[in-house]
Amino acid sequence: MHCISVDIIEVGRIEKAIAHWGERFLERMYTGKELQLCQNQVADLAARFAAKELELEGLAISLSHCREYAVASVIGETL
């Protein structure tokens, strides 16, 4: 069976977490490769965070963001 999941997050939430926790937050939430890909762009990090909130074996994932929000959508199969 296929399912669709979507998660949205305010970019400001991630910005505040980075300001408060710094490297500790980044290292706990993201892989080294993710950090390298995002190059400290908070909106990109927020989109990846939204994707992590989706507990799904993803077949296809889409990430997007604007100044205030980031969104991740996944189409996958349930077990």
N, C-alpha and C. Protein backbone atom coordinates (compact mmCIF):
# COMPACT_ATOMS: atom_id res chain seq x y z
N MET A 1 0.84 -1.18 0.00
CA MET A 1 0.00 0.00 0.00
C MET A 1 0.88 1.24 0.00
N HIS A 2 0.54 2.21 -0.82
CA HIS A 2 1.29 3.45 -0.88
C HIS A 2 0.68 4.48 0.07
N CYS A 3 1.53 5.37 0.55
CA CYS A 3 1.05 6.46 1.38
C CYS A 3 1.85 7.72 1.07
N ILE A 4 1.29 8.83 1.43
CA ILE A 4 1.93 10.12 1.22
C ILE A 4 2.02 10.80 2.58
N SER A 5 3.19 11.38 2.88
CA SER A 5 3.39 12.12 4.12
C SER A 5 3.98 13.48 3.81
N VAL A 6 3.57 14.46 4.61
CA VAL A 6 4.07 15.83 4.43
C VAL A 6 4.38 16.39 5.82
N ASP A 7 5.48 17.12 5.93
CA ASP A 7 5.81 17.82 7.17
C ASP A 7 6.29 19.21 6.81
N ILE A 8 5.86 20.19 7.59
CA ILE A 8 6.28 21.57 7.39
C ILE A 8 6.85 22.10 8.70
N ILE A 9 7.85 22.95 8.60
CA ILE A 9 8.48 23.52 9.78
C ILE A 9 8.83 24.98 9.51
N GLU A 10 8.78 25.78 10.54
CA GLU A 10 9.20 27.17 10.43
C GLU A 10 10.73 27.21 10.42
N VAL A 11 11.29 27.87 9.45
CA VAL A 11 12.75 27.98 9.35
C VAL A 11 13.31 28.62 10.61
N GLY A 12 12.58 29.55 11.20
CA GLY A 12 13.02 30.22 12.42
C GLY A 12 13.24 29.28 13.59
N ARG A 13 12.49 28.16 13.64
CA ARG A 13 12.70 27.18 14.71
C ARG A 13 14.09 26.57 14.64
N ILE A 14 14.53 26.25 13.43
CA ILE A 14 15.86 25.67 13.26
C ILE A 14 16.92 26.73 13.53
N GLU A 15 16.66 27.93 13.08
CA GLU A 15 17.58 29.04 13.32
C GLU A 15 17.79 29.26 14.83
N LYS A 16 16.70 29.21 15.59
CA LYS A 16 16.79 29.37 17.05
C LYS A 16 17.53 28.21 17.70
N ALA A 17 17.28 27.00 17.23
CA ALA A 17 17.97 25.83 17.79
C ALA A 17 19.47 25.91 17.54
N ILE A 18 19.86 26.35 16.35
CA ILE A 18 21.28 26.50 16.04
C ILE A 18 21.90 27.58 16.91
N ALA A 19 21.18 28.69 17.08
CA ALA A 19 21.69 29.78 17.90
C ALA A 19 21.85 29.34 19.36
N HIS A 20 20.93 28.52 19.85
CA HIS A 20 20.98 28.07 21.24
C HIS A 20 21.98 26.94 21.47
N TRP A 21 21.94 25.92 20.62
CA TRP A 21 22.74 24.71 20.83
C TRP A 21 24.00 24.63 19.97
N GLY A 22 24.06 25.41 18.90
CA GLY A 22 25.25 25.46 18.05
C GLY A 22 25.61 24.13 17.41
N GLU A 23 26.89 23.82 17.42
CA GLU A 23 27.41 22.60 16.78
C GLU A 23 26.80 21.33 17.37
N ARG A 24 26.49 21.36 18.64
CA ARG A 24 25.90 20.18 19.28
C ARG A 24 24.59 19.79 18.59
N PHE A 25 23.76 20.77 18.31
CA PHE A 25 22.50 20.51 17.60
C PHE A 25 22.78 19.99 16.19
N LEU A 26 23.65 20.66 15.47
CA LEU A 26 23.94 20.29 14.09
C LEU A 26 24.48 18.87 14.00
N GLU A 27 25.39 18.51 14.88
CA GLU A 27 26.00 17.19 14.84
C GLU A 27 25.04 16.08 15.25
N ARG A 28 24.07 16.41 16.11
CA ARG A 28 23.09 15.40 16.53
C ARG A 28 21.99 15.19 15.50
N MET A 29 21.67 16.24 14.74
CA MET A 29 20.52 16.18 13.84
C MET A 29 20.88 15.86 12.39
N TYR A 30 22.12 16.14 11.99
CA TYR A 30 22.48 16.00 10.58
C TYR A 30 23.76 15.19 10.43
N THR A 31 23.86 14.50 9.32
CA THR A 31 25.09 13.79 9.01
C THR A 31 26.10 14.80 8.47
N GLY A 32 27.35 14.40 8.42
CA GLY A 32 28.39 15.26 7.86
C GLY A 32 28.09 15.62 6.41
N LYS A 33 27.57 14.65 5.67
CA LYS A 33 27.25 14.90 4.26
C LYS A 33 26.11 15.91 4.13
N GLU A 34 25.10 15.80 5.00
CA GLU A 34 24.01 16.77 4.96
C GLU A 34 24.51 18.17 5.26
N LEU A 35 25.37 18.29 6.25
CA LEU A 35 25.91 19.61 6.60
C LEU A 35 26.73 20.18 5.44
N GLN A 36 27.47 19.33 4.78
CA GLN A 36 28.26 19.77 3.64
C GLN A 36 27.35 20.22 2.49
N LEU A 37 26.30 19.45 2.21
CA LEU A 37 25.37 19.81 1.14
C LEU A 37 24.64 21.12 1.42
N CYS A 38 24.26 21.34 2.66
CA CYS A 38 23.48 22.52 3.02
C CYS A 38 24.33 23.78 3.18
N GLN A 39 25.60 23.62 3.41
CA GLN A 39 26.55 24.75 3.53
C GLN A 39 26.03 25.84 4.46
N ASN A 40 25.51 25.44 5.62
CA ASN A 40 25.02 26.36 6.65
C ASN A 40 23.84 27.22 6.21
N GLN A 41 23.12 26.81 5.17
CA GLN A 41 21.91 27.51 4.76
C GLN A 41 20.76 27.00 5.62
N VAL A 42 20.27 27.85 6.50
CA VAL A 42 19.28 27.43 7.49
C VAL A 42 18.01 26.88 6.83
N ALA A 43 17.54 27.47 5.75
CA ALA A 43 16.33 26.98 5.09
C ALA A 43 16.53 25.57 4.55
N ASP A 44 17.71 25.28 4.01
CA ASP A 44 18.01 23.92 3.54
C ASP A 44 18.05 22.94 4.70
N LEU A 45 18.64 23.35 5.80
CA LEU A 45 18.68 22.50 6.99
C LEU A 45 17.28 22.25 7.52
N ALA A 46 16.43 23.26 7.49
CA ALA A 46 15.05 23.10 7.96
C ALA A 46 14.29 22.10 7.09
N ALA A 47 14.48 22.15 5.79
CA ALA A 47 13.81 21.20 4.89
C ALA A 47 14.25 19.78 5.20
N ARG A 48 15.53 19.58 5.43
CA ARG A 48 16.04 18.25 5.77
C ARG A 48 15.50 17.79 7.13
N PHE A 49 15.36 18.73 8.07
CA PHE A 49 14.78 18.40 9.37
C PHE A 49 13.34 17.93 9.20
N ALA A 50 12.58 18.62 8.37
CA ALA A 50 11.20 18.22 8.11
C ALA A 50 11.15 16.80 7.55
N ALA A 51 12.09 16.47 6.66
CA ALA A 51 12.14 15.13 6.09
C ALA A 51 12.43 14.08 7.16
N LYS A 52 13.27 14.42 8.13
CA LYS A 52 13.62 13.47 9.18
C LYS A 52 12.41 13.16 10.06
N GLU A 53 11.46 14.08 10.14
CA GLU A 53 10.28 13.88 10.97
C GLU A 53 9.31 12.88 10.34
N LEU A 54 9.49 12.59 9.06
CA LEU A 54 8.61 11.65 8.38
C LEU A 54 9.16 10.24 8.60
N GLU A 55 8.47 9.46 9.41
CA GLU A 55 8.92 8.09 9.68
C GLU A 55 8.36 7.18 8.61
N LEU A 56 9.07 7.08 7.47
CA LEU A 56 8.55 6.37 6.31
C LEU A 56 9.71 5.87 5.48
N GLU A 57 9.59 4.65 4.96
CA GLU A 57 10.56 4.14 3.99
C GLU A 57 10.28 4.86 2.68
N GLY A 58 11.06 5.86 2.37
CA GLY A 58 10.72 6.72 1.24
C GLY A 58 11.07 6.13 -0.10
N LEU A 59 10.14 6.18 -1.02
CA LEU A 59 10.41 5.85 -2.40
C LEU A 59 10.84 7.11 -3.14
N ALA A 60 10.19 8.21 -2.81
CA ALA A 60 10.51 9.48 -3.44
C ALA A 60 10.31 10.58 -2.41
N ILE A 61 11.23 11.53 -2.37
CA ILE A 61 11.15 12.62 -1.41
C ILE A 61 11.35 13.94 -2.14
N SER A 62 10.63 14.94 -1.70
CA SER A 62 10.76 16.28 -2.27
C SER A 62 10.93 17.26 -1.13
N LEU A 63 11.93 18.13 -1.23
CA LEU A 63 12.20 19.16 -0.22
C LEU A 63 12.04 20.53 -0.87
N SER A 64 11.46 21.46 -0.13
CA SER A 64 11.31 22.81 -0.64
C SER A 64 11.29 23.78 0.54
N HIS A 65 11.59 25.04 0.26
CA HIS A 65 11.55 26.05 1.31
C HIS A 65 11.38 27.43 0.71
N CYS A 66 10.90 28.33 1.55
CA CYS A 66 10.87 29.74 1.24
C CYS A 66 11.54 30.42 2.43
N ARG A 67 11.39 31.70 2.55
CA ARG A 67 12.07 32.42 3.64
C ARG A 67 11.61 31.96 5.02
N GLU A 68 10.31 31.66 5.18
CA GLU A 68 9.77 31.38 6.50
C GLU A 68 9.49 29.91 6.79
N TYR A 69 9.26 29.10 5.76
CA TYR A 69 8.87 27.71 5.97
C TYR A 69 9.67 26.76 5.10
N ALA A 70 9.80 25.53 5.60
CA ALA A 70 10.40 24.45 4.82
C ALA A 70 9.43 23.27 4.86
N VAL A 71 9.39 22.51 3.78
CA VAL A 71 8.45 21.40 3.69
C VAL A 71 9.13 20.19 3.07
N ALA A 72 8.74 19.02 3.52
CA ALA A 72 9.21 17.77 2.94
C ALA A 72 8.00 16.91 2.65
N SER A 73 7.99 16.28 1.50
CA SER A 73 6.91 15.34 1.18
C SER A 73 7.53 14.04 0.70
N VAL A 74 6.91 12.94 1.09
CA VAL A 74 7.42 11.61 0.77
C VAL A 74 6.28 10.75 0.26
N ILE A 75 6.57 10.02 -0.79
CA ILE A 75 5.64 8.98 -1.25
C ILE A 75 6.35 7.66 -0.99
N GLY A 76 5.71 6.77 -0.25
CA GLY A 76 6.35 5.52 0.12
C GLY A 76 5.36 4.39 0.27
N GLU A 77 5.86 3.29 0.74
CA GLU A 77 5.05 2.11 0.97
C GLU A 77 5.01 1.81 2.45
N THR A 78 3.85 1.44 2.95
CA THR A 78 3.72 1.02 4.35
C THR A 78 4.12 -0.44 4.44
N LEU A 79 4.60 -0.81 5.58
CA LEU A 79 5.01 -2.21 5.80
C LEU A 79 3.86 -3.04 6.31
